Amino acid sequence: MVDNIKKAVSAMCKAHPGGRLGMAADLGMSIDTFHNHLYEKCGSRFFTLKELERMEDLSGVSMLAEYAAARVGKLLVDVPKPENIDNVDLYALDMQANAAKGQLAQAQIEAAADGVIDRHESKKLMNLLKKTVRHQIQGVMGFMALYSVSDQAVEVFMSTRKGDAPSVQLEASGASFQ
């Protein structure tokens, strides 16, 4: 999990085939200019949103999205595409979800052993919980993508309506808000 934007840039550079030097070149910058933007030196501004999005595209990882989601307390989940999923993939997603549940359960046992959950244990438990939920959602969405008649089933989860969870559930069920 990425907890600050500079770590996100660093992770994107590591994922880029040419590293930081290649990322700078692909953005049309010298490595010195890239560093000036990253560290806000010599009167340079930080990267623009457009530059950050380009870095994410070039690196092939979703670190900017991960950072943005974490910043506002949201969970980022990959949405399986119907053309890219089959029963074997569903089984693998289910196994990943079960493994994550097991890791979470083991961490809970270890954290409770001394009767107190410290900050480090709490952070570990929250990360494992997010991992578990992410895998479970991916599994359900993959199932729906594979077996639904249209993309509408997956779109129910991808609602962009602002509001709390019950309002999204009502909207998905077709119930009225009035």
Protein backbone atom coordinates (compact mmCIF):
# COMPACT_ATOMS: atom_id res chain seq x y z
CA MET A 1 0.00 0.00 0.00
CA VAL A 2 1.26 3.44 -0.93
CA ASP A 3 0.79 6.06 1.77
CA ASN A 4 2.34 9.10 0.06
CA ILE A 5 2.60 10.40 -3.47
CA LYS A 6 6.41 10.33 -3.62
CA LYS A 7 6.39 6.63 -2.73
CA ALA A 8 3.85 6.12 -5.52
CA VAL A 9 6.19 7.84 -8.01
CA SER A 10 9.10 5.76 -6.76
CA ALA A 11 7.10 2.53 -7.14
CA MET A 12 6.03 3.51 -10.66
CA CYS A 13 9.67 4.19 -11.57
CA LYS A 14 10.71 0.79 -10.21
CA ALA A 15 8.01 -0.87 -12.33
CA HIS A 16 9.06 1.00 -15.47
CA PRO A 17 11.35 -1.12 -17.69
CA GLY A 18 13.94 1.69 -17.83
CA GLY A 19 13.67 2.61 -14.17
CA ARG A 20 13.74 6.24 -13.11
CA LEU A 21 16.00 7.22 -16.00
CA GLY A 22 13.64 5.62 -18.53
CA MET A 23 10.61 7.22 -16.90
CA ALA A 24 12.24 10.65 -17.12
CA ALA A 25 13.11 10.10 -20.77
CA ASP A 26 9.57 8.91 -21.61
CA LEU A 27 8.21 12.08 -20.00
CA GLY A 28 10.61 14.17 -22.11
CA MET A 29 12.66 15.25 -19.09
CA SER A 30 16.28 14.95 -18.13
CA ILE A 31 16.92 12.96 -14.97
CA ASP A 32 17.88 16.20 -13.21
CA THR A 33 14.59 17.85 -14.18
CA PHE A 34 12.72 14.72 -13.07
CA HIS A 35 14.48 14.81 -9.67
CA ASN A 36 13.79 18.54 -9.32
CA HIS A 37 10.07 17.86 -9.80
CA LEU A 38 10.08 14.83 -7.50
CA TYR A 39 11.91 16.59 -4.66
CA GLU A 40 10.58 20.08 -5.49
CA LYS A 41 14.08 21.53 -5.72
CA CYS A 42 15.42 24.57 -7.57
CA GLY A 43 12.00 26.20 -7.56
CA SER A 44 10.40 23.30 -9.40
CA ARG A 45 6.80 22.30 -8.89
CA PHE A 46 5.76 18.72 -8.20
CA PHE A 47 4.53 16.67 -11.17
CA THR A 48 1.21 17.60 -12.74
CA LEU A 49 -1.70 15.19 -12.62
CA LYS A 50 -1.24 14.58 -16.34
CA GLU A 51 2.43 13.62 -15.74
CA LEU A 52 1.48 11.33 -12.85
CA GLU A 53 -1.18 9.62 -14.97
CA ARG A 54 1.35 9.18 -17.78
CA MET A 55 3.80 7.59 -15.30
CA GLU A 56 1.10 5.16 -14.24
CA ASP A 57 0.38 4.28 -17.88
CA LEU A 58 4.09 3.87 -18.67
CA SER A 59 4.76 1.72 -15.61
CA GLY A 60 1.74 -0.55 -16.00
CA VAL A 61 0.98 -0.40 -12.27
CA SER A 62 -1.85 1.38 -10.46
CA MET A 63 0.17 3.09 -7.74
CA LEU A 64 -1.35 6.52 -8.35
CA ALA A 65 -4.84 5.03 -8.04
CA GLU A 66 -3.74 3.07 -4.93
CA TYR A 67 -2.41 6.27 -3.36
CA ALA A 68 -5.57 8.24 -4.22
CA ALA A 69 -7.84 5.51 -2.83
CA ALA A 70 -5.81 5.15 0.38
CA ARG A 71 -5.73 8.92 0.85
CA VAL A 72 -9.52 9.05 1.14
CA GLY A 73 -9.96 5.72 2.93
CA LYS A 74 -11.21 3.76 -0.07
CA LEU A 75 -10.36 0.30 -1.33
CA LEU A 76 -9.20 -0.22 -4.90
CA VAL A 77 -10.36 -3.45 -6.55
CA ASP A 78 -9.45 -4.78 -10.00
CA VAL A 79 -12.56 -5.45 -12.09
CA PRO A 80 -12.23 -8.71 -14.06
CA LYS A 81 -13.17 -8.44 -17.73
CA PRO A 82 -15.58 -11.15 -19.01
CA GLU A 83 -13.31 -11.98 -21.94
CA ASN A 84 -10.36 -12.55 -19.60
CA ILE A 85 -11.95 -14.89 -17.05
CA ASP A 86 -12.96 -18.55 -16.97
CA ASN A 87 -13.78 -21.17 -14.31
CA VAL A 88 -10.09 -21.78 -13.62
CA ASP A 89 -9.64 -18.07 -12.94
CA LEU A 90 -12.67 -18.11 -10.62
CA TYR A 91 -11.14 -21.01 -8.71
CA ALA A 92 -7.84 -19.12 -8.41
CA LEU A 93 -9.68 -16.02 -7.14
CA ASP A 94 -11.51 -18.17 -4.57
CA MET A 95 -8.22 -19.72 -3.42
CA GLN A 96 -6.66 -16.26 -3.07
CA ALA A 97 -9.65 -15.11 -1.00
CA ASN A 98 -9.40 -18.21 1.23
CA ALA A 99 -5.65 -17.74 1.68
CA ALA A 100 -6.18 -14.09 2.61
CA LYS A 101 -8.87 -15.10 5.15
CA GLY A 102 -6.43 -17.57 6.68
CA GLN A 103 -3.67 -14.97 6.92
CA LEU A 104 -6.09 -12.56 8.58
CA ALA A 105 -7.24 -15.19 11.07
CA GLN A 106 -3.66 -16.13 11.94
CA ALA A 107 -2.72 -12.47 12.42
CA GLN A 108 -5.74 -11.98 14.70
CA ILE A 109 -4.67 -14.92 16.86
CA GLU A 110 -1.11 -13.59 17.09
CA ALA A 111 -2.26 -10.02 17.82
CA ALA A 112 -4.61 -11.12 20.60
CA ALA A 113 -2.07 -13.43 22.22
CA ASP A 114 -0.79 -10.76 24.62
CA GLY A 115 -4.24 -9.22 25.14
CA VAL A 116 -3.34 -5.90 23.48
CA ILE A 117 -3.30 -4.91 19.82
CA ASP A 118 -0.56 -2.35 19.25
CA ARG A 119 -0.29 0.12 16.35
CA HIS A 120 1.87 -2.22 14.25
CA GLU A 121 -0.52 -5.15 14.75
CA SER A 122 -3.51 -2.92 14.01
CA LYS A 123 -1.97 -1.73 10.74
CA LYS A 124 -1.14 -5.33 9.77
CA LEU A 125 -4.71 -6.47 10.55
CA MET A 126 -6.22 -3.62 8.51
CA ASN A 127 -3.99 -4.38 5.53
CA LEU A 128 -4.89 -8.08 5.69
CA LEU A 129 -8.58 -7.22 6.01
CA LYS A 130 -8.39 -5.00 2.92
CA LYS A 131 -6.58 -7.78 1.06
CA THR A 132 -9.28 -10.28 2.07
CA VAL A 133 -12.15 -8.00 1.04
CA ARG A 134 -10.40 -7.13 -2.25
CA HIS A 135 -10.07 -10.83 -3.16
CA GLN A 136 -13.67 -11.57 -2.18
CA ILE A 137 -15.01 -8.70 -4.28
CA GLN A 138 -12.86 -9.73 -7.23
CA GLY A 139 -14.24 -13.27 -6.97
CA VAL A 140 -17.87 -12.16 -6.93
CA MET A 141 -17.31 -9.67 -9.74
CA GLY A 142 -15.49 -12.31 -11.76
CA PHE A 143 -18.36 -14.74 -11.22
CA MET A 144 -20.86 -12.12 -12.33
CA ALA A 145 -18.74 -11.15 -15.34
CA LEU A 146 -18.42 -14.77 -16.44
CA TYR A 147 -22.05 -15.80 -16.01
CA SER A 148 -24.07 -12.65 -16.66
CA VAL A 149 -25.90 -11.90 -19.86
CA SER A 150 -24.49 -8.37 -20.01
CA ASP A 151 -22.07 -6.07 -18.27
CA GLN A 152 -24.93 -4.62 -16.19
CA ALA A 153 -24.29 -7.02 -13.30
CA VAL A 154 -20.74 -5.75 -12.91
CA GLU A 155 -21.90 -2.15 -13.35
CA VAL A 156 -24.06 -2.51 -10.22
CA PHE A 157 -20.83 -2.66 -8.21
CA MET A 158 -19.22 0.14 -10.17
CA SER A 159 -21.91 2.70 -9.41
CA THR A 160 -20.55 6.23 -9.27
CA ARG A 161 -23.48 7.51 -7.23
CA LYS A 162 -22.31 9.44 -4.19
CA GLY A 163 -23.88 8.27 -0.99
CA ASP A 164 -23.76 5.63 1.63
CA ALA A 165 -23.85 1.90 1.06
CA PRO A 166 -27.59 1.45 1.77
CA SER A 167 -28.48 3.98 -0.95
CA VAL A 168 -26.32 2.11 -3.45
CA GLN A 169 -28.00 -1.17 -2.47
CA LEU A 170 -31.43 0.41 -2.91
CA GLU A 171 -30.44 1.74 -6.30
CA ALA A 172 -29.18 -1.67 -7.38
CA SER A 173 -32.35 -3.40 -6.23
CA GLY A 174 -34.57 -0.98 -8.16
CA ALA A 175 -36.23 0.32 -4.99
CA SER A 176 -37.38 3.90 -4.88
CA PHE A 177 -35.56 6.59 -2.91
CA GLN A 178 -38.71 8.59 -2.20
